Amino acid sequence: MRYSFILISLLLAGCSTDPVYMKNKETGEIVKCGPYYVGLAKDFKMEGIAHQESQCIQDYKEQGFIRIPSPH
């Protein structure tokens, strides 16, 4: 049981995307898309999480957000 937890943790840690930060041009609000983890994806594939990330970014762009390097 203990080793299963460690193995799952290592799997999840190694297969994730970096967060993408978005800022609303009018309000200054900052939001984050991701990080997305392969282990939590429905089909355990990078393509699935890449689509989730792209969809998140597109949804915020449609609301007036732009991508920024970091919130700091």
N, C-alpha and C. Protein backbone atom coordinates (compact mmCIF):
# COMPACT_ATOMS: atom_id res chain seq x y z
N MET A 1 0.83 -1.19 0.00
CA MET A 1 0.00 0.00 0.00
C MET A 1 0.87 1.25 0.00
N ARG A 2 1.85 1.29 0.85
CA ARG A 2 2.72 2.45 0.96
C ARG A 2 3.49 2.68 -0.33
N TYR A 3 3.95 1.59 -0.96
CA TYR A 3 4.71 1.71 -2.19
C TYR A 3 3.82 2.14 -3.36
N SER A 4 2.57 1.74 -3.31
CA SER A 4 1.63 2.16 -4.36
C SER A 4 1.46 3.67 -4.33
N PHE A 5 1.33 4.24 -3.14
CA PHE A 5 1.19 5.69 -3.01
C PHE A 5 2.42 6.40 -3.55
N ILE A 6 3.59 5.92 -3.22
CA ILE A 6 4.84 6.52 -3.70
C ILE A 6 4.92 6.43 -5.21
N LEU A 7 4.60 5.29 -5.77
CA LEU A 7 4.64 5.11 -7.21
C LEU A 7 3.66 6.04 -7.92
N ILE A 8 2.47 6.14 -7.42
CA ILE A 8 1.48 7.03 -8.02
C ILE A 8 1.93 8.48 -7.91
N SER A 9 2.48 8.87 -6.79
CA SER A 9 2.97 10.24 -6.61
C SER A 9 4.07 10.57 -7.61
N LEU A 10 4.99 9.64 -7.81
CA LEU A 10 6.07 9.87 -8.77
C LEU A 10 5.53 9.95 -10.19
N LEU A 11 4.57 9.14 -10.51
CA LEU A 11 3.96 9.16 -11.83
C LEU A 11 3.30 10.50 -12.10
N LEU A 12 2.54 10.98 -11.14
CA LEU A 12 1.85 12.25 -11.31
C LEU A 12 2.82 13.42 -11.38
N ALA A 13 3.85 13.39 -10.60
CA ALA A 13 4.82 14.49 -10.56
C ALA A 13 5.59 14.61 -11.87
N GLY A 14 5.82 13.52 -12.54
CA GLY A 14 6.63 13.54 -13.75
C GLY A 14 5.87 13.87 -15.01
N CYS A 15 4.56 13.89 -14.96
CA CYS A 15 3.76 14.06 -16.17
C CYS A 15 2.73 15.15 -15.99
N SER A 16 3.18 16.37 -16.00
CA SER A 16 2.25 17.48 -15.84
C SER A 16 2.70 18.66 -16.71
N THR A 17 1.77 19.56 -16.93
CA THR A 17 2.09 20.77 -17.68
C THR A 17 2.42 21.88 -16.69
N ASP A 18 3.11 22.88 -17.16
CA ASP A 18 3.35 24.07 -16.35
C ASP A 18 2.08 24.92 -16.37
N PRO A 19 1.81 25.65 -15.31
CA PRO A 19 0.62 26.52 -15.33
C PRO A 19 0.81 27.66 -16.33
N VAL A 20 -0.29 28.08 -16.89
CA VAL A 20 -0.31 29.21 -17.81
C VAL A 20 -1.11 30.31 -17.12
N TYR A 21 -0.54 31.50 -17.04
CA TYR A 21 -1.20 32.62 -16.37
C TYR A 21 -1.81 33.54 -17.42
N MET A 22 -3.01 34.02 -17.11
CA MET A 22 -3.74 34.91 -17.99
C MET A 22 -4.18 36.13 -17.18
N LYS A 23 -4.15 37.30 -17.84
CA LYS A 23 -4.53 38.54 -17.16
C LYS A 23 -5.60 39.25 -17.98
N ASN A 24 -6.65 39.70 -17.30
CA ASN A 24 -7.70 40.44 -17.97
C ASN A 24 -7.20 41.85 -18.26
N LYS A 25 -7.27 42.26 -19.51
CA LYS A 25 -6.74 43.57 -19.92
C LYS A 25 -7.49 44.73 -19.27
N GLU A 26 -8.76 44.54 -18.97
CA GLU A 26 -9.56 45.63 -18.41
C GLU A 26 -9.56 45.66 -16.89
N THR A 27 -9.71 44.51 -16.26
CA THR A 27 -9.85 44.47 -14.80
C THR A 27 -8.55 44.19 -14.06
N GLY A 28 -7.57 43.63 -14.76
CA GLY A 28 -6.31 43.26 -14.11
C GLY A 28 -6.37 41.92 -13.39
N GLU A 29 -7.52 41.25 -13.44
CA GLU A 29 -7.66 39.94 -12.79
C GLU A 29 -6.71 38.94 -13.42
N ILE A 30 -6.06 38.12 -12.58
CA ILE A 30 -5.14 37.09 -13.06
C ILE A 30 -5.72 35.73 -12.72
N VAL A 31 -5.70 34.84 -13.71
CA VAL A 31 -6.19 33.47 -13.53
C VAL A 31 -5.11 32.51 -13.99
N LYS A 32 -5.30 31.24 -13.64
CA LYS A 32 -4.30 30.23 -13.98
C LYS A 32 -4.98 29.05 -14.66
N CYS A 33 -4.41 28.60 -15.76
CA CYS A 33 -4.82 27.36 -16.42
C CYS A 33 -3.77 26.31 -16.10
N GLY A 34 -4.17 25.26 -15.42
CA GLY A 34 -3.23 24.20 -15.08
C GLY A 34 -2.63 24.41 -13.71
N PRO A 35 -1.68 23.60 -13.37
CA PRO A 35 -1.11 22.52 -14.18
C PRO A 35 -2.08 21.36 -14.32
N TYR A 36 -1.95 20.65 -15.41
CA TYR A 36 -2.76 19.47 -15.69
C TYR A 36 -1.87 18.24 -15.56
N TYR A 37 -2.41 17.19 -14.98
CA TYR A 37 -1.64 15.97 -14.71
C TYR A 37 -2.15 14.81 -15.55
N VAL A 38 -1.23 14.08 -16.15
CA VAL A 38 -1.60 12.94 -16.98
C VAL A 38 -2.39 11.92 -16.18
N GLY A 39 -1.98 11.64 -14.97
CA GLY A 39 -2.65 10.65 -14.14
C GLY A 39 -4.10 10.99 -13.84
N LEU A 40 -4.45 12.26 -13.92
CA LEU A 40 -5.82 12.67 -13.67
C LEU A 40 -6.63 12.79 -14.95
N ALA A 41 -5.97 12.67 -16.09
CA ALA A 41 -6.66 12.75 -17.37
C ALA A 41 -7.45 11.47 -17.60
N LYS A 42 -8.53 11.61 -18.32
CA LYS A 42 -9.43 10.49 -18.56
C LYS A 42 -8.72 9.32 -19.23
N ASP A 43 -7.88 9.60 -20.21
CA ASP A 43 -7.23 8.53 -20.97
C ASP A 43 -5.74 8.40 -20.68
N PHE A 44 -5.23 9.11 -19.70
CA PHE A 44 -3.82 9.05 -19.30
C PHE A 44 -2.87 9.42 -20.45
N LYS A 45 -3.29 10.32 -21.33
CA LYS A 45 -2.45 10.71 -22.47
C LYS A 45 -2.17 12.21 -22.42
N MET A 46 -0.98 12.58 -22.86
CA MET A 46 -0.59 13.99 -22.91
C MET A 46 -1.50 14.78 -23.85
N GLU A 47 -2.00 14.15 -24.91
CA GLU A 47 -2.88 14.86 -25.85
C GLU A 47 -4.13 15.37 -25.16
N GLY A 48 -4.64 14.56 -24.24
CA GLY A 48 -5.84 14.95 -23.51
C GLY A 48 -5.63 16.17 -22.63
N ILE A 49 -4.50 16.20 -21.94
CA ILE A 49 -4.26 17.36 -21.08
C ILE A 49 -3.85 18.58 -21.89
N ALA A 50 -3.20 18.38 -23.03
CA ALA A 50 -2.86 19.51 -23.90
C ALA A 50 -4.14 20.16 -24.42
N HIS A 51 -5.14 19.34 -24.72
CA HIS A 51 -6.43 19.88 -25.17
C HIS A 51 -7.12 20.65 -24.04
N GLN A 52 -7.08 20.12 -22.83
CA GLN A 52 -7.67 20.81 -21.69
C GLN A 52 -7.04 22.18 -21.51
N GLU A 53 -5.71 22.22 -21.58
CA GLU A 53 -4.99 23.48 -21.41
C GLU A 53 -5.34 24.47 -22.52
N SER A 54 -5.35 24.00 -23.75
CA SER A 54 -5.70 24.87 -24.88
C SER A 54 -7.11 25.42 -24.74
N GLN A 55 -8.03 24.57 -24.30
CA GLN A 55 -9.41 25.00 -24.13
C GLN A 55 -9.53 26.06 -23.04
N CYS A 56 -8.82 25.87 -21.95
CA CYS A 56 -8.82 26.85 -20.85
C CYS A 56 -8.30 28.20 -21.34
N ILE A 57 -7.18 28.18 -22.05
CA ILE A 57 -6.59 29.42 -22.57
C ILE A 57 -7.55 30.10 -23.52
N GLN A 58 -8.14 29.34 -24.43
CA GLN A 58 -9.08 29.91 -25.40
C GLN A 58 -10.30 30.51 -24.72
N ASP A 59 -10.83 29.82 -23.71
CA ASP A 59 -12.00 30.34 -22.99
C ASP A 59 -11.69 31.69 -22.35
N TYR A 60 -10.53 31.81 -21.73
CA TYR A 60 -10.18 33.09 -21.11
C TYR A 60 -9.87 34.17 -22.15
N LYS A 61 -9.26 33.81 -23.26
CA LYS A 61 -9.01 34.79 -24.33
C LYS A 61 -10.32 35.39 -24.82
N GLU A 62 -11.33 34.57 -24.94
CA GLU A 62 -12.64 35.04 -25.39
C GLU A 62 -13.28 36.00 -24.38
N GLN A 63 -12.80 35.97 -23.14
CA GLN A 63 -13.31 36.85 -22.09
C GLN A 63 -12.42 38.09 -21.90
N GLY A 64 -11.43 38.27 -22.79
CA GLY A 64 -10.58 39.46 -22.72
C GLY A 64 -9.28 39.28 -21.98
N PHE A 65 -8.87 38.06 -21.69
CA PHE A 65 -7.61 37.80 -21.01
C PHE A 65 -6.49 37.62 -22.03
N ILE A 66 -5.28 37.99 -21.60
CA ILE A 66 -4.09 37.76 -22.41
C ILE A 66 -3.11 36.92 -21.59
N ARG A 67 -2.27 36.19 -22.28
CA ARG A 67 -1.28 35.34 -21.60
C ARG A 67 -0.14 36.20 -21.08
N ILE A 68 0.28 35.92 -19.85
CA ILE A 68 1.40 36.63 -19.24
C ILE A 68 2.42 35.60 -18.76
N PRO A 69 3.69 35.98 -18.63
CA PRO A 69 4.72 35.01 -18.21
C PRO A 69 4.55 34.54 -16.77
N SER A 70 4.16 35.42 -15.86
CA SER A 70 4.07 35.06 -14.46
C SER A 70 3.28 36.16 -13.75
N PRO A 71 2.59 35.83 -12.67
CA PRO A 71 1.81 36.86 -11.97
C PRO A 71 2.67 37.79 -11.12
N HIS A 72 3.93 37.52 -10.99
CA HIS A 72 4.79 38.32 -10.10
C HIS A 72 5.43 39.45 -10.84
